[in-house]
Amino acid sequence: MFNRNTSLLAGAMTREQLQDALTKAQQAYIDLASGSRGVSFSYTQGDGTRSVSFQQTSMADLMALIQLLQAQLGINIRPRRPMRFRF
């Protein structure tokens, strides 16, 4: 069972900061899933070629981060149990 008082994010961030981080993580997940986010770029300047690389994260890492942030914010991340009728 998840405990918000002892999680990795307990006391580290305000609710607004957590909500902002959740929004950014969800946008990064969408960008990575749709392929619109680049990882490595190269360009030429007057004195030579430059290159910039960013560390690529995996979909699973982003999903785990999103679920942790949602749990810390108290957002219900588990689906409702199926209803069963007893006769």
C-alpha atoms as a PDB file:
ATOM      1  CA  MET A   1       0.000   0.000   0.000  1.00  0.00           C
ATOM      2  CA  PHE A   2       1.288   3.446  -0.901  1.00  0.00           C
ATOM      3  CA  ASN A   3       1.989   5.841   1.973  1.00  0.00           C
ATOM      4  CA  ARG A   4       2.286   9.521   1.001  1.00  0.00           C
ATOM      5  CA  ASN A   5       4.099  10.338   4.256  1.00  0.00           C
ATOM      6  CA  THR A   6       7.017   7.980   3.576  1.00  0.00           C
ATOM      7  CA  SER A   7       7.302   8.061  -0.223  1.00  0.00           C
ATOM      8  CA  LEU A   8      10.296   9.439  -2.106  1.00  0.00           C
ATOM      9  CA  LEU A   9       8.463  12.713  -2.709  1.00  0.00           C
ATOM     10  CA  ALA A  10       7.188  13.235   0.862  1.00  0.00           C
ATOM     11  CA  GLY A  11       7.849  16.791   2.000  1.00  0.00           C
ATOM     12  CA  ALA A  12      10.101  17.557  -0.949  1.00  0.00           C
ATOM     13  CA  MET A  13       7.645  19.501  -3.063  1.00  0.00           C
ATOM     14  CA  THR A  14       4.484  21.518  -2.637  1.00  0.00           C
ATOM     15  CA  ARG A  15       1.220  20.332  -4.187  1.00  0.00           C
ATOM     16  CA  GLU A  16       1.580  22.914  -6.982  1.00  0.00           C
ATOM     17  CA  GLN A  17       5.114  21.736  -7.755  1.00  0.00           C
ATOM     18  CA  LEU A  18       3.938  18.121  -7.828  1.00  0.00           C
ATOM     19  CA  GLN A  19       1.072  19.036 -10.163  1.00  0.00           C
ATOM     20  CA  ASP A  20       3.483  20.919 -12.450  1.00  0.00           C
ATOM     21  CA  ALA A  21       5.899  17.963 -12.478  1.00  0.00           C
ATOM     22  CA  LEU A  22       3.008  15.623 -13.311  1.00  0.00           C
ATOM     23  CA  THR A  23       1.961  17.820 -16.229  1.00  0.00           C
ATOM     24  CA  LYS A  24       5.546  17.925 -17.564  1.00  0.00           C
ATOM     25  CA  ALA A  25       5.976  14.157 -17.190  1.00  0.00           C
ATOM     26  CA  GLN A  26       2.704  13.480 -18.994  1.00  0.00           C
ATOM     27  CA  GLN A  27       3.722  15.829 -21.824  1.00  0.00           C
ATOM     28  CA  ALA A  28       7.128  14.122 -22.076  1.00  0.00           C
ATOM     29  CA  TYR A  29       5.351  10.741 -22.243  1.00  0.00           C
ATOM     30  CA  ILE A  30       3.135  11.988 -25.064  1.00  0.00           C
ATOM     31  CA  ASP A  31       6.117  13.484 -26.922  1.00  0.00           C
ATOM     32  CA  LEU A  32       8.148  10.296 -26.578  1.00  0.00           C
ATOM     33  CA  ALA A  33       5.237   8.061 -27.600  1.00  0.00           C
ATOM     34  CA  SER A  34       4.449  10.150 -30.657  1.00  0.00           C
ATOM     35  CA  GLY A  35       8.092  10.450 -31.732  1.00  0.00           C
ATOM     36  CA  SER A  36       8.041  14.240 -31.719  1.00  0.00           C
ATOM     37  CA  ARG A  37      10.897  14.595 -29.223  1.00  0.00           C
ATOM     38  CA  GLY A  38      14.427  14.401 -30.596  1.00  0.00           C
ATOM     39  CA  VAL A  39      17.395  12.899 -28.794  1.00  0.00           C
ATOM     40  CA  SER A  40      20.440  13.987 -30.774  1.00  0.00           C
ATOM     41  CA  PHE A  41      20.951  17.139 -32.836  1.00  0.00           C
ATOM     42  CA  SER A  42      23.776  18.385 -34.978  1.00  0.00           C
ATOM     43  CA  TYR A  43      24.332  21.729 -36.622  1.00  0.00           C
ATOM     44  CA  THR A  44      27.072  23.621 -38.403  1.00  0.00           C
ATOM     45  CA  GLN A  45      28.476  26.943 -37.299  1.00  0.00           C
ATOM     46  CA  GLY A  46      31.033  29.070 -39.062  1.00  0.00           C
ATOM     47  CA  ASP A  47      33.943  27.382 -37.282  1.00  0.00           C
ATOM     48  CA  GLY A  48      32.766  23.779 -37.449  1.00  0.00           C
ATOM     49  CA  THR A  49      30.093  21.251 -36.663  1.00  0.00           C
ATOM     50  CA  ARG A  50      28.447  21.106 -33.240  1.00  0.00           C
ATOM     51  CA  SER A  51      26.439  18.282 -31.755  1.00  0.00           C
ATOM     52  CA  VAL A  52      24.073  18.110 -28.782  1.00  0.00           C
ATOM     53  CA  SER A  53      22.685  14.906 -27.278  1.00  0.00           C
ATOM     54  CA  PHE A  54      20.059  14.399 -24.618  1.00  0.00           C
ATOM     55  CA  GLN A  55      19.602  11.286 -22.536  1.00  0.00           C
ATOM     56  CA  GLN A  56      16.593   9.362 -23.738  1.00  0.00           C
ATOM     57  CA  THR A  57      14.285   7.903 -21.124  1.00  0.00           C
ATOM     58  CA  SER A  58      12.132   4.876 -21.614  1.00  0.00           C
ATOM     59  CA  MET A  59       8.357   4.740 -21.695  1.00  0.00           C
ATOM     60  CA  ALA A  60       8.394   2.508 -18.616  1.00  0.00           C
ATOM     61  CA  ASP A  61      10.476   5.032 -16.637  1.00  0.00           C
ATOM     62  CA  LEU A  62       8.100   7.839 -17.525  1.00  0.00           C
ATOM     63  CA  MET A  63       5.067   5.723 -16.681  1.00  0.00           C
ATOM     64  CA  ALA A  64       6.548   4.858 -13.271  1.00  0.00           C
ATOM     65  CA  LEU A  65       7.245   8.551 -12.584  1.00  0.00           C
ATOM     66  CA  ILE A  66       3.712   9.531 -13.595  1.00  0.00           C
ATOM     67  CA  GLN A  67       2.218   6.854 -11.343  1.00  0.00           C
ATOM     68  CA  LEU A  68       4.393   7.960  -8.400  1.00  0.00           C
ATOM     69  CA  LEU A  69       3.365  11.592  -8.859  1.00  0.00           C
ATOM     70  CA  GLN A  70      -0.296  10.620  -9.154  1.00  0.00           C
ATOM     71  CA  ALA A  71      -0.107   8.527  -5.991  1.00  0.00           C
ATOM     72  CA  GLN A  72       1.610  11.361  -4.102  1.00  0.00           C
ATOM     73  CA  LEU A  73      -1.125  13.757  -5.233  1.00  0.00           C
ATOM     74  CA  GLY A  74      -3.814  11.286  -4.160  1.00  0.00           C
ATOM     75  CA  ILE A  75      -5.120  10.699  -7.670  1.00  0.00           C
ATOM     76  CA  ASN A  76      -6.786   7.292  -7.901  1.00  0.00           C
ATOM     77  CA  ILE A  77      -4.508   5.321 -10.199  1.00  0.00           C
ATOM     78  CA  ARG A  78      -6.085   1.910  -9.672  1.00  0.00           C
ATOM     79  CA  PRO A  79      -9.214   1.046 -11.606  1.00  0.00           C
ATOM     80  CA  ARG A  80     -12.334   0.174  -9.707  1.00  0.00           C
ATOM     81  CA  ARG A  81     -12.763  -3.480  -8.826  1.00  0.00           C
ATOM     82  CA  PRO A  82     -15.333  -5.309 -10.917  1.00  0.00           C
ATOM     83  CA  MET A  83     -18.759  -5.543  -9.349  1.00  0.00           C
ATOM     84  CA  ARG A  84     -19.829  -9.050  -8.450  1.00  0.00           C
ATOM     85  CA  PHE A  85     -23.299 -10.046  -7.508  1.00  0.00           C
ATOM     86  CA  ARG A  86     -23.902 -12.641  -4.855  1.00  0.00           C
ATOM     87  CA  PHE A  87     -27.125 -14.598  -4.891  1.00  0.00           C
END
